[in-house]
Amino acid sequence: MRIIKIILGIACWIFALFFFLCAATALPDPIAVIFAIPAIFFAVAGWLAISKGRRPISRAGKAVGALCTLLAFGLIIVIVVPDFIRMEDSSCQNSCVNNLRQLQAAKEEWALENGETNGTIVTVADITPYVQLDGNGNILKCPAGGTYILGRVGEDVRCSIGTSDWPNSHTLSDTNDFTWEENFTEAYSILLGLRHVKTQ
């Protein structure tokens, strides 16, 4: 029985090492937390399996186990849950970012063909021949009601929503530019029904 517990504990530590390596590889992406949680779980499980057979778990051991469990739950509550809600509710983001990419490509093609240099103001009429139009012959529109700002040559096309409509980041950088406090607050506001996001 003791040998089985040792083998089980070592297997848990191997799994913990694997998940810790996955978490380290994924940093600084928030997905690293998803790997860190099972890593902590397997590390504690392995430690319990090996130490329990030798002697009863001391108060310090129980405290370490409780601390690791609290840490895992804290990571879930603070980072994982908001991340899942953000991914689930960011339906407008992909569509808007795709529109921004098409408009940016049209803007760059227009500038290249016409020999325009950085700083030249770009208008809708300038890029209309270079972009796919909707059924009414208009350029693409933001699905959340934002306005596209073409700006100048050398600048990125922007959406007026930008990063103000959590969880949607209507920017060409296509990244989550929100702080963890914003992610936490806004995610739980949506989860508790205190606010709703714009959907396509």
Protein backbone atom coordinates (compact mmCIF):
# COMPACT_ATOMS: atom_id res chain seq x y z
CA MET A 1 0.00 0.00 0.00
CA ARG A 2 2.85 2.35 0.87
CA ILE A 3 4.57 1.73 -2.50
CA ILE A 4 1.33 2.50 -4.35
CA LYS A 5 1.04 5.82 -2.49
CA ILE A 6 4.63 6.74 -3.35
CA ILE A 7 4.11 5.86 -7.04
CA LEU A 8 0.86 7.87 -7.04
CA GLY A 9 2.60 10.82 -5.38
CA ILE A 10 5.48 10.77 -7.88
CA ALA A 11 2.98 10.57 -10.78
CA CYS A 12 1.17 13.62 -9.36
CA TRP A 13 4.47 15.52 -9.13
CA ILE A 14 5.26 14.66 -12.76
CA PHE A 15 1.86 16.05 -13.79
CA ALA A 16 2.49 19.12 -11.60
CA LEU A 17 5.87 19.68 -13.29
CA PHE A 18 4.26 19.34 -16.72
CA PHE A 19 1.56 21.94 -15.91
CA PHE A 20 4.10 24.30 -14.30
CA LEU A 21 6.21 24.15 -17.47
CA CYS A 22 3.09 24.84 -19.57
CA ALA A 23 2.27 27.82 -17.33
CA ALA A 24 5.83 29.17 -17.59
CA THR A 25 5.75 28.80 -21.39
CA ALA A 26 2.39 30.62 -21.65
CA LEU A 27 3.50 33.65 -19.60
CA PRO A 28 2.64 36.56 -19.71
CA ASP A 29 -0.63 35.43 -21.36
CA PRO A 30 -3.50 35.07 -18.82
CA ILE A 31 -3.98 31.48 -20.04
CA ALA A 32 -0.92 30.63 -17.91
CA VAL A 33 -3.24 30.67 -14.89
CA ILE A 34 -5.29 27.84 -16.39
CA PHE A 35 -2.13 25.70 -16.36
CA ALA A 36 -1.01 26.92 -12.92
CA ILE A 37 -4.18 25.73 -11.15
CA PRO A 38 -3.82 22.01 -11.98
CA ALA A 39 -0.08 22.34 -11.32
CA ILE A 40 -0.81 23.46 -7.74
CA PHE A 41 -3.47 20.78 -7.35
CA PHE A 42 -1.17 17.95 -8.49
CA ALA A 43 1.74 19.24 -6.41
CA VAL A 44 -0.39 19.26 -3.24
CA ALA A 45 -1.96 15.87 -4.11
CA GLY A 46 1.48 14.35 -4.63
CA TRP A 47 2.77 15.77 -1.37
CA LEU A 48 -0.29 14.45 0.51
CA ALA A 49 -0.02 10.99 -1.07
CA ILE A 50 3.64 10.59 -0.10
CA SER A 51 3.59 12.23 3.34
CA LYS A 52 0.32 10.76 4.61
CA GLY A 53 1.67 7.21 4.67
CA ARG A 54 4.64 8.11 6.88
CA ARG A 55 2.88 10.08 9.61
CA PRO A 56 -0.27 12.09 10.24
CA ILE A 57 -0.29 15.46 8.52
CA SER A 58 0.91 18.19 10.86
CA ARG A 59 -0.86 21.48 11.39
CA ALA A 60 1.77 23.19 9.25
CA GLY A 61 1.13 20.69 6.45
CA LYS A 62 -2.61 21.26 6.66
CA ALA A 63 -1.99 25.02 6.58
CA VAL A 64 0.16 24.68 3.43
CA GLY A 65 -2.53 22.55 1.76
CA ALA A 66 -5.25 25.05 2.72
CA LEU A 67 -3.11 27.95 1.47
CA CYS A 68 -2.52 26.26 -1.90
CA THR A 69 -6.25 25.52 -2.21
CA LEU A 70 -7.13 29.14 -1.38
CA LEU A 71 -4.55 30.35 -3.89
CA ALA A 72 -6.03 28.13 -6.60
CA PHE A 73 -9.58 29.33 -5.86
CA GLY A 74 -8.35 32.94 -5.73
CA LEU A 75 -6.77 32.62 -9.17
CA ILE A 76 -10.00 31.12 -10.53
CA ILE A 77 -12.14 33.91 -9.06
CA VAL A 78 -9.84 36.82 -9.98
CA ILE A 79 -8.48 35.79 -13.41
CA VAL A 80 -10.02 32.65 -14.91
CA VAL A 81 -13.73 33.54 -14.47
CA PRO A 82 -13.34 37.11 -15.86
CA ASP A 83 -11.30 35.73 -18.78
CA PHE A 84 -14.00 33.21 -19.68
CA ILE A 85 -16.74 35.87 -19.47
CA ARG A 86 -14.64 38.23 -21.59
CA MET A 87 -14.12 35.59 -24.29
CA GLU A 88 -17.78 34.58 -24.25
CA ASP A 89 -19.14 38.14 -24.44
CA SER A 90 -16.69 39.67 -26.93
CA SER A 91 -18.89 38.86 -29.94
CA CYS A 92 -18.48 42.28 -31.55
CA GLN A 93 -14.72 42.46 -31.18
CA ASN A 94 -13.67 40.01 -33.89
CA SER A 95 -16.03 41.53 -36.44
CA CYS A 96 -14.87 45.07 -35.69
CA VAL A 97 -11.17 44.13 -35.74
CA ASN A 98 -11.64 42.39 -39.11
CA ASN A 99 -13.29 45.55 -40.45
CA LEU A 100 -10.41 47.65 -39.13
CA ARG A 101 -7.90 45.38 -40.85
CA GLN A 102 -9.71 45.65 -44.18
CA LEU A 103 -9.93 49.44 -43.90
CA GLN A 104 -6.26 49.64 -42.91
CA ALA A 105 -5.25 47.50 -45.90
CA ALA A 106 -7.39 49.67 -48.22
CA LYS A 107 -5.83 52.82 -46.77
CA GLU A 108 -2.29 51.50 -47.28
CA GLU A 109 -3.08 50.36 -50.84
CA TRP A 110 -4.55 53.78 -51.69
CA ALA A 111 -1.48 55.55 -50.26
CA LEU A 112 0.88 53.26 -52.18
CA GLU A 113 -0.89 53.65 -55.52
CA ASN A 114 -1.18 57.41 -55.19
CA GLY A 115 2.29 58.03 -53.77
CA GLU A 116 0.93 59.58 -50.57
CA THR A 117 3.32 60.04 -47.66
CA ASN A 118 2.82 59.84 -43.91
CA GLY A 119 0.62 62.60 -42.55
CA THR A 120 -1.74 62.82 -45.54
CA ILE A 121 -5.39 62.88 -44.44
CA VAL A 122 -7.44 59.95 -45.79
CA THR A 123 -11.15 60.24 -46.58
CA VAL A 124 -13.86 57.62 -47.10
CA ALA A 125 -14.03 58.57 -50.79
CA ASP A 126 -10.29 57.84 -51.13
CA ILE A 127 -10.50 54.23 -49.93
CA THR A 128 -13.97 53.28 -51.24
CA PRO A 129 -12.58 51.68 -54.45
CA TYR A 130 -10.20 49.56 -52.36
CA VAL A 131 -12.62 48.12 -49.81
CA GLN A 132 -15.52 45.68 -49.92
CA LEU A 133 -18.80 47.59 -49.57
CA ASP A 134 -21.99 46.42 -47.85
CA GLY A 135 -25.30 45.80 -49.62
CA ASN A 136 -26.10 49.54 -49.62
CA GLY A 137 -22.78 50.55 -51.16
CA ASN A 138 -21.35 51.88 -47.89
CA ILE A 139 -18.02 51.03 -46.29
CA LEU A 140 -17.95 48.58 -43.40
CA LYS A 141 -19.55 49.60 -40.10
CA CYS A 142 -18.77 48.67 -36.53
CA PRO A 143 -21.32 46.08 -35.30
CA ALA A 144 -21.50 47.80 -31.90
CA GLY A 145 -22.30 51.22 -33.43
CA GLY A 146 -18.83 52.73 -33.26
CA THR A 147 -17.50 55.16 -35.86
CA TYR A 148 -14.37 54.39 -37.86
CA ILE A 149 -11.70 57.08 -37.89
CA LEU A 150 -9.42 56.71 -40.91
CA GLY A 151 -6.93 59.31 -39.72
CA ARG A 152 -3.75 59.98 -41.69
CA VAL A 153 -1.38 57.85 -43.72
CA GLY A 154 1.00 56.13 -41.30
CA GLU A 155 -1.64 55.87 -38.55
CA ASP A 156 -3.85 52.91 -37.72
CA VAL A 157 -7.54 53.08 -38.52
CA ARG A 158 -9.41 53.42 -35.22
CA CYS A 159 -12.89 52.69 -33.90
CA SER A 160 -14.47 55.33 -31.65
CA ILE A 161 -15.32 52.59 -29.12
CA GLY A 162 -11.66 51.67 -28.71
CA THR A 163 -11.32 49.91 -25.37
CA SER A 164 -14.27 51.59 -23.64
CA ASP A 165 -16.83 48.80 -24.22
CA TRP A 166 -15.61 45.98 -21.99
CA PRO A 167 -14.96 43.18 -22.89
CA ASN A 168 -14.63 44.34 -26.49
CA SER A 169 -11.33 45.89 -27.46
CA HIS A 170 -12.07 47.59 -30.78
CA THR A 171 -8.46 48.19 -31.73
CA LEU A 172 -6.12 46.87 -34.41
CA SER A 173 -3.76 45.60 -31.73
CA ASP A 174 -6.46 42.97 -31.04
CA THR A 175 -5.38 42.56 -27.44
CA ASN A 176 -7.07 42.82 -24.08
CA ASP A 177 -5.87 46.25 -22.93
CA PHE A 178 -7.87 46.15 -19.70
CA THR A 179 -6.31 45.94 -16.25
CA TRP A 180 -7.15 42.95 -14.05
CA GLU A 181 -9.28 45.25 -11.85
CA GLU A 182 -11.36 46.29 -14.88
CA ASN A 183 -11.66 42.66 -16.00
CA PHE A 184 -12.74 41.59 -12.50
CA THR A 185 -15.25 44.41 -11.94
CA GLU A 186 -16.84 44.32 -15.38
CA ALA A 187 -16.98 40.50 -15.56
CA TYR A 188 -18.80 40.18 -12.26
CA SER A 189 -21.10 43.09 -13.16
CA ILE A 190 -22.17 41.08 -16.23
CA LEU A 191 -22.28 37.81 -14.26
CA LEU A 192 -24.56 39.38 -11.64
CA GLY A 193 -26.75 41.02 -14.31
CA LEU A 194 -25.78 44.59 -13.36
CA ARG A 195 -24.86 45.46 -16.94
CA HIS A 196 -25.02 44.02 -20.43
CA VAL A 197 -22.60 44.18 -23.33
CA LYS A 198 -23.44 45.26 -26.85
CA THR A 199 -23.90 42.27 -29.11
CA GLN A 200 -23.85 41.99 -32.85
